[in-house]
Amino acid sequence: MVDEGVKTALAARFEQVPECEVKAGAPLAPLISVRVGGAAEALVRPRSVDALVALLKLARDEGAPVTILGGGANTLVGDGGVPGLTVKVPGTLFPEELEVGAEEGLITLCAGSAIVRIVNVMRAQGLVGAEFLAGIPGTLGGAVSMNAGTKNGEAFRVIDAVEVATADGVGWLTKAQIPHSYRHSELPPGGVVTRVRFRLPKGDVDASKAAMDADLGYRKRTQPLSQPNFGSVFTNPPGDHAGRLIERVGLKGHTLGRAQISTLHANWIVNLGGATARDVLGLITLMQTRVREETGVEMKPEVKRVGEFLP
């Protein structure tokens, strides 16, 4: 159990690493899109890649767990908090880099940047191809780690290379060097994404904008974007849709504590105000159990759970 505002001996050691902002016992719920969860033993924002590598090395030497917190859009933090080191990579850790030719462009962005940044730069440079990322919350590092996307595409379709920091240093990996699949990628153990390079073609910017506007309009009509949530709860099973299965077993709108299976989209859970991680996890378990018992389908959670969950 991590106590809010309490500085532990481990947090004090992380404070000794130069070029870092360290907050001991930092509440994480305000940083998580569903707005639930406890505190981080040590929430750290490195101001340089050398500082990040030093942090990871110290955590390895101390045997401390490391959690990477992106935009908090696909994350459920336990009510007991997150022990060890919680790293949040600032969007300003690296400057943006552009190489735009006659037919295509390379865009290199910091992993801490919001996903929407690649969409904005793409449009400004007359490039196309990443329209499906418009409207997805979170950071680019998170988009890499979970191969974020929609029915229209996924992140690794437009990624050219990824820079990753570990306790042993930092280096670039090509897309081919990172195994990836639907809503999943395999980064080096203990690795933290620091930069992402995208390769996009030149194209019809007006048609690109129209496609994004149509997709965003559809999302606003069918997803509870105005309420605290963490996006889709489960990945879609092969040949089916998680939301359809959850609705089929009668759970759409079901409430536990102050958490609710959305009345707008059954594969989303929303915080009605004052929900706990226990409430949310209870709904996730109920959804899995009911769908398994009534349809035989095993639902695979898309949301990442971090920290300690209280009984």
Protein backbone atom coordinates (compact mmCIF):
# COMPACT_ATOMS: atom_id res chain seq x y z
CA MET A 1 0.00 0.00 0.00
CA VAL A 2 1.43 3.34 -1.10
CA ASP A 3 0.48 6.26 1.13
CA GLU A 4 -0.27 9.57 -0.55
CA GLY A 5 2.31 12.27 0.15
CA VAL A 6 4.67 9.93 2.02
CA LYS A 7 8.35 9.90 1.00
CA THR A 8 9.97 6.49 1.27
CA ALA A 9 13.69 5.71 1.33
CA LEU A 10 13.42 4.51 -2.28
CA ALA A 11 11.78 7.76 -3.39
CA ALA A 12 14.57 9.69 -1.64
CA ARG A 13 17.17 7.76 -3.66
CA PHE A 14 15.42 8.59 -6.91
CA GLU A 15 15.56 12.26 -5.91
CA GLN A 16 19.35 12.04 -6.04
CA VAL A 17 19.35 11.41 -9.80
CA PRO A 18 20.19 14.71 -11.58
CA GLU A 19 17.79 16.29 -14.08
CA CYS A 20 14.66 14.71 -12.67
CA GLU A 21 11.44 15.98 -11.15
CA VAL A 22 10.44 13.57 -8.39
CA LYS A 23 7.15 13.56 -6.48
CA ALA A 24 6.88 11.10 -3.61
CA GLY A 25 3.45 9.68 -2.80
CA ALA A 26 1.97 11.44 -5.84
CA PRO A 27 -1.76 10.84 -6.45
CA LEU A 28 -2.25 9.24 -9.85
CA ALA A 29 -6.03 9.44 -10.32
CA PRO A 30 -5.79 12.98 -11.80
CA LEU A 31 -3.36 11.61 -14.42
CA ILE A 32 -5.53 8.63 -15.38
CA SER A 33 -8.36 9.21 -17.83
CA VAL A 34 -10.85 7.12 -15.83
CA ARG A 35 -9.87 9.13 -12.70
CA VAL A 36 -9.44 6.27 -10.22
CA GLY A 37 -6.50 4.74 -8.36
CA GLY A 38 -4.00 5.39 -5.60
CA ALA A 39 -0.63 7.11 -5.38
CA ALA A 40 2.80 6.47 -6.88
CA GLU A 41 5.64 5.75 -4.47
CA ALA A 42 7.84 7.88 -6.72
CA LEU A 43 6.48 9.68 -9.80
CA VAL A 44 9.41 10.87 -11.89
CA ARG A 45 9.63 13.11 -14.96
CA PRO A 46 13.16 12.95 -16.43
CA ARG A 47 14.44 16.12 -18.11
CA SER A 48 16.96 14.29 -20.32
CA VAL A 49 17.41 10.85 -21.82
CA ASP A 50 20.57 10.39 -19.70
CA ALA A 51 18.47 11.00 -16.60
CA LEU A 52 15.95 8.42 -17.79
CA VAL A 53 18.67 5.81 -18.30
CA ALA A 54 20.10 6.61 -14.84
CA LEU A 55 16.65 6.18 -13.29
CA LEU A 56 16.16 2.81 -14.95
CA LYS A 57 19.60 1.67 -13.84
CA LEU A 58 18.95 2.72 -10.25
CA ALA A 59 15.60 0.94 -10.26
CA ARG A 60 17.30 -2.21 -11.56
CA ASP A 61 20.04 -1.98 -8.93
CA GLU A 62 17.44 -1.48 -6.19
CA GLY A 63 15.20 -4.26 -7.48
CA ALA A 64 12.36 -1.74 -7.72
CA PRO A 65 9.44 -2.26 -10.11
CA VAL A 66 9.13 0.25 -12.98
CA THR A 67 5.82 1.48 -14.37
CA ILE A 68 5.58 3.66 -17.46
CA LEU A 69 2.71 6.13 -17.37
CA GLY A 70 1.80 7.64 -20.71
CA GLY A 71 -1.35 9.69 -21.06
CA GLY A 72 -3.24 7.37 -18.71
CA ALA A 73 -5.80 6.67 -21.43
CA ASN A 74 -5.62 2.88 -21.37
CA THR A 75 -4.58 2.36 -17.76
CA LEU A 76 -6.27 1.21 -14.56
CA VAL A 77 -4.32 2.03 -11.40
CA GLY A 78 -5.05 -0.01 -8.29
CA ASP A 79 -6.46 1.69 -5.19
CA GLY A 80 -3.37 0.53 -3.27
CA GLY A 81 -1.14 2.67 -5.47
CA VAL A 82 1.98 1.89 -7.50
CA PRO A 83 5.17 0.84 -5.66
CA GLY A 84 8.62 1.57 -7.04
CA LEU A 85 9.34 3.94 -9.90
CA THR A 86 6.59 5.45 -12.04
CA VAL A 87 8.01 7.23 -15.09
CA LYS A 88 6.20 9.88 -17.08
CA VAL A 89 8.16 10.92 -20.18
CA PRO A 90 7.61 14.65 -20.88
CA GLY A 91 6.50 15.62 -24.35
CA THR A 92 9.35 18.13 -24.42
CA LEU A 93 12.15 15.60 -23.85
CA PHE A 94 13.13 15.80 -27.54
CA PRO A 95 12.55 18.36 -30.30
CA GLU A 96 10.47 17.37 -33.31
CA GLU A 97 12.30 16.38 -36.51
CA LEU A 98 10.94 16.57 -40.07
CA GLU A 99 12.28 15.20 -43.34
CA VAL A 100 9.73 15.83 -46.09
CA GLY A 101 10.47 14.97 -49.72
CA ALA A 102 8.49 15.07 -52.92
CA GLU A 103 6.63 11.81 -52.27
CA GLU A 104 6.84 11.06 -48.54
CA GLY A 105 7.96 12.36 -45.19
CA LEU A 106 9.56 11.18 -41.97
CA ILE A 107 8.24 12.70 -38.74
CA THR A 108 10.09 12.04 -35.48
CA LEU A 109 8.25 12.96 -32.28
CA CYS A 110 8.84 12.54 -28.56
CA ALA A 111 7.06 9.56 -27.03
CA GLY A 112 5.54 11.81 -24.38
CA SER A 113 3.69 13.85 -27.03
CA ALA A 114 -0.06 13.39 -27.36
CA ILE A 115 -1.14 11.08 -30.19
CA VAL A 116 -2.96 13.98 -31.82
CA ARG A 117 0.41 15.64 -32.49
CA ILE A 118 1.26 13.23 -35.32
CA VAL A 119 -2.10 14.02 -36.93
CA ASN A 120 -1.51 17.77 -36.70
CA VAL A 121 2.04 17.59 -38.10
CA MET A 122 0.88 15.23 -40.84
CA ARG A 123 -1.74 17.71 -42.03
CA ALA A 124 0.62 20.69 -41.83
CA GLN A 125 3.17 18.90 -44.04
CA GLY A 126 0.73 17.70 -46.71
CA LEU A 127 1.06 14.07 -45.64
CA VAL A 128 -1.63 11.42 -45.21
CA GLY A 129 -2.04 7.90 -43.84
CA ALA A 130 -2.44 8.32 -40.07
CA GLU A 131 -6.08 9.44 -40.13
CA PHE A 132 -7.16 6.50 -37.95
CA LEU A 133 -5.10 7.92 -35.05
CA ALA A 134 -7.22 11.09 -34.90
CA GLY A 135 -9.25 11.17 -31.71
CA ILE A 136 -7.35 8.41 -29.91
CA PRO A 137 -6.29 9.75 -26.48
CA GLY A 138 -2.97 9.10 -24.80
CA THR A 139 0.66 9.51 -25.82
CA LEU A 140 2.70 8.24 -28.73
CA GLY A 141 4.70 5.98 -26.42
CA GLY A 142 1.48 4.35 -25.33
CA ALA A 143 0.38 4.03 -28.94
CA VAL A 144 3.57 2.08 -29.64
CA SER A 145 3.35 -0.17 -26.59
CA MET A 146 -0.24 -1.24 -27.31
CA ASN A 147 -0.20 -0.81 -31.10
CA ALA A 148 -3.11 1.58 -30.73
CA GLY A 149 -5.66 1.95 -33.48
CA THR A 150 -9.22 1.63 -34.67
CA LYS A 151 -11.05 -0.52 -37.19
CA ASN A 152 -9.37 1.60 -39.85
CA GLY A 153 -5.73 0.93 -38.93
CA GLU A 154 -3.12 0.50 -36.22
CA ALA A 155 -0.02 2.42 -35.16
CA PHE A 156 2.60 0.08 -36.58
CA ARG A 157 1.15 0.56 -40.05
CA VAL A 158 2.71 4.04 -40.13
CA ILE A 159 5.64 3.62 -37.69
CA ASP A 160 9.10 3.50 -39.27
CA ALA A 161 11.27 3.12 -36.14
CA VAL A 162 11.14 3.47 -32.36
CA GLU A 163 13.82 4.71 -29.96
CA VAL A 164 13.90 2.81 -26.67
CA ALA A 165 15.77 3.50 -23.43
CA THR A 166 16.78 0.76 -21.01
CA ALA A 167 19.07 0.61 -17.99
CA ASP A 168 21.90 -0.15 -20.43
CA GLY A 169 21.40 2.86 -22.72
CA VAL A 170 19.27 4.10 -25.59
CA GLY A 171 18.96 3.09 -29.23
CA TRP A 172 16.71 2.85 -32.28
CA LEU A 173 14.77 -0.23 -33.38
CA THR A 174 13.17 -0.57 -36.79
CA LYS A 175 9.56 -1.65 -37.09
CA ALA A 176 10.74 -5.07 -38.27
CA GLN A 177 12.74 -5.51 -35.05
CA ILE A 178 9.66 -5.07 -32.83
CA PRO A 179 7.21 -8.00 -32.87
CA HIS A 180 3.70 -6.60 -32.98
CA SER A 181 0.14 -7.73 -33.49
CA TYR A 182 -3.40 -6.57 -32.80
CA ARG A 183 -3.25 -4.21 -29.78
CA HIS A 184 0.16 -5.56 -28.76
CA SER A 185 3.87 -4.99 -29.23
CA GLU A 186 6.95 -6.59 -27.67
CA LEU A 187 9.47 -3.97 -26.60
CA PRO A 188 12.79 -4.90 -24.97
CA PRO A 189 12.35 -5.95 -21.31
CA GLY A 190 12.36 -2.86 -19.11
CA GLY A 191 12.37 -0.62 -22.17
CA VAL A 192 10.85 2.86 -22.28
CA VAL A 193 9.86 4.40 -25.60
CA THR A 194 11.52 7.82 -25.98
CA ARG A 195 10.95 8.76 -29.64
CA VAL A 196 8.79 7.50 -32.51
CA ARG A 197 9.50 7.96 -36.22
CA PHE A 198 6.61 7.84 -38.68
CA ARG A 199 6.83 7.36 -42.45
CA LEU A 200 3.88 8.86 -44.33
CA PRO A 201 3.17 9.50 -48.03
CA LYS A 202 2.12 12.76 -49.64
CA GLY A 203 -1.56 12.76 -50.58
CA ASP A 204 -4.95 14.43 -50.74
CA VAL A 205 -5.09 16.47 -47.53
CA ASP A 206 -8.72 17.50 -48.07
CA ALA A 207 -9.84 13.89 -48.40
CA SER A 208 -7.73 13.02 -45.35
CA LYS A 209 -9.43 15.75 -43.29
CA ALA A 210 -12.89 14.61 -44.42
CA ALA A 211 -12.12 11.03 -43.36
CA MET A 212 -10.93 12.19 -39.94
CA ASP A 213 -13.96 14.44 -39.45
CA ALA A 214 -16.29 11.58 -40.32
CA ASP A 215 -14.52 9.18 -37.95
CA LEU A 216 -14.50 11.69 -35.09
CA GLY A 217 -18.18 12.40 -35.64
CA TYR A 218 -18.96 8.70 -35.45
CA ARG A 219 -16.91 8.32 -32.26
CA LYS A 220 -18.70 11.21 -30.59
CA ARG A 221 -22.08 9.66 -31.41
CA THR A 222 -21.23 6.13 -30.28
CA GLN A 223 -18.71 6.49 -27.43
CA PRO A 224 -18.99 8.19 -24.00
CA LEU A 225 -16.16 10.63 -24.64
CA SER A 226 -17.57 13.27 -22.27
CA GLN A 227 -17.26 11.00 -19.20
CA PRO A 228 -14.08 9.74 -17.47
CA ASN A 229 -13.15 6.42 -19.13
CA PHE A 230 -10.14 4.47 -20.38
CA GLY A 231 -11.46 3.57 -23.83
CA SER A 232 -12.28 0.04 -24.89
CA VAL A 233 -12.21 -2.47 -22.05
CA PHE A 234 -11.67 -5.58 -24.19
CA THR A 235 -10.12 -6.32 -27.55
CA ASN A 236 -12.57 -7.58 -30.15
CA PRO A 237 -12.62 -11.39 -30.36
CA PRO A 238 -11.96 -12.82 -33.83
CA GLY A 239 -14.97 -12.25 -36.06
CA ASP A 240 -17.03 -10.46 -33.41
CA HIS A 241 -17.29 -7.29 -31.33
CA ALA A 242 -16.79 -7.13 -27.57
CA GLY A 243 -19.51 -4.51 -27.16
CA ARG A 244 -22.06 -6.69 -28.93
CA LEU A 245 -21.28 -9.66 -26.68
CA ILE A 246 -21.51 -7.58 -23.49
CA GLU A 247 -24.81 -6.10 -24.61
CA ARG A 248 -26.08 -9.55 -25.56
CA VAL A 249 -25.63 -10.83 -22.00
CA GLY A 250 -27.58 -7.86 -20.61
CA LEU A 251 -24.81 -5.86 -18.97
CA LYS A 252 -25.06 -2.59 -20.89
CA GLY A 253 -25.71 0.14 -18.30
CA HIS A 254 -24.91 -2.12 -15.33
CA THR A 255 -23.48 -0.21 -12.35
CA LEU A 256 -21.16 -1.24 -9.53
CA GLY A 257 -20.46 1.43 -6.93
CA ARG A 258 -19.86 4.58 -8.95
CA ALA A 259 -18.59 2.79 -12.07
CA GLN A 260 -20.90 1.96 -14.95
CA ILE A 261 -20.81 -0.08 -18.15
CA SER A 262 -21.66 2.72 -20.54
CA THR A 263 -25.20 3.03 -21.80
CA LEU A 264 -23.76 4.35 -25.07
CA HIS A 265 -21.17 1.62 -25.77
CA ALA A 266 -21.10 -1.62 -23.79
CA ASN A 267 -17.32 -2.10 -24.20
CA TRP A 268 -16.61 1.08 -22.25
CA ILE A 269 -16.68 1.68 -18.49
CA VAL A 270 -17.28 5.21 -17.20
CA ASN A 271 -16.70 6.85 -13.83
CA LEU A 272 -19.95 8.41 -12.63
CA GLY A 273 -18.00 10.38 -10.02
CA GLY A 274 -16.26 8.86 -7.02
CA ALA A 275 -15.65 5.41 -8.51
CA THR A 276 -12.79 3.27 -7.23
CA ALA A 277 -10.49 0.89 -9.05
CA ARG A 278 -12.23 -1.87 -7.13
CA ASP A 279 -15.55 -0.83 -8.70
CA VAL A 280 -14.04 -0.81 -12.18
CA LEU A 281 -12.23 -4.12 -11.78
CA GLY A 282 -15.43 -5.67 -10.43
CA LEU A 283 -17.24 -4.69 -13.62
CA ILE A 284 -14.42 -6.04 -15.79
CA THR A 285 -14.55 -9.38 -13.98
CA LEU A 286 -18.35 -9.50 -14.26
CA MET A 287 -18.22 -8.79 -18.00
CA GLN A 288 -15.64 -11.54 -18.56
CA THR A 289 -17.52 -14.07 -16.44
CA ARG A 290 -20.97 -13.43 -17.90
CA VAL A 291 -19.77 -13.51 -21.51
CA ARG A 292 -17.77 -16.69 -20.91
CA GLU A 293 -20.67 -18.46 -19.22
CA GLU A 294 -23.31 -17.48 -21.78
CA THR A 295 -21.37 -17.48 -25.03
CA GLY A 296 -18.17 -19.46 -24.39
CA VAL A 297 -16.04 -16.52 -25.56
CA GLU A 298 -13.01 -15.58 -23.45
CA MET A 299 -12.74 -11.79 -23.37
CA LYS A 300 -9.20 -10.37 -23.40
CA PRO A 301 -8.79 -7.05 -21.54
CA GLU A 302 -7.26 -4.22 -23.53
CA VAL A 303 -6.72 -1.96 -20.54
CA LYS A 304 -3.40 -2.21 -18.68
CA ARG A 305 -3.60 -2.78 -14.91
CA VAL A 306 -0.81 -1.35 -12.76
CA GLY A 307 -0.18 -1.18 -9.05
CA GLU A 308 -1.85 -2.88 -6.11
CA PHE A 309 -5.55 -3.77 -6.19
CA LEU A 310 -7.26 -3.99 -2.81
CA PRO A 311 -9.68 -6.84 -2.03
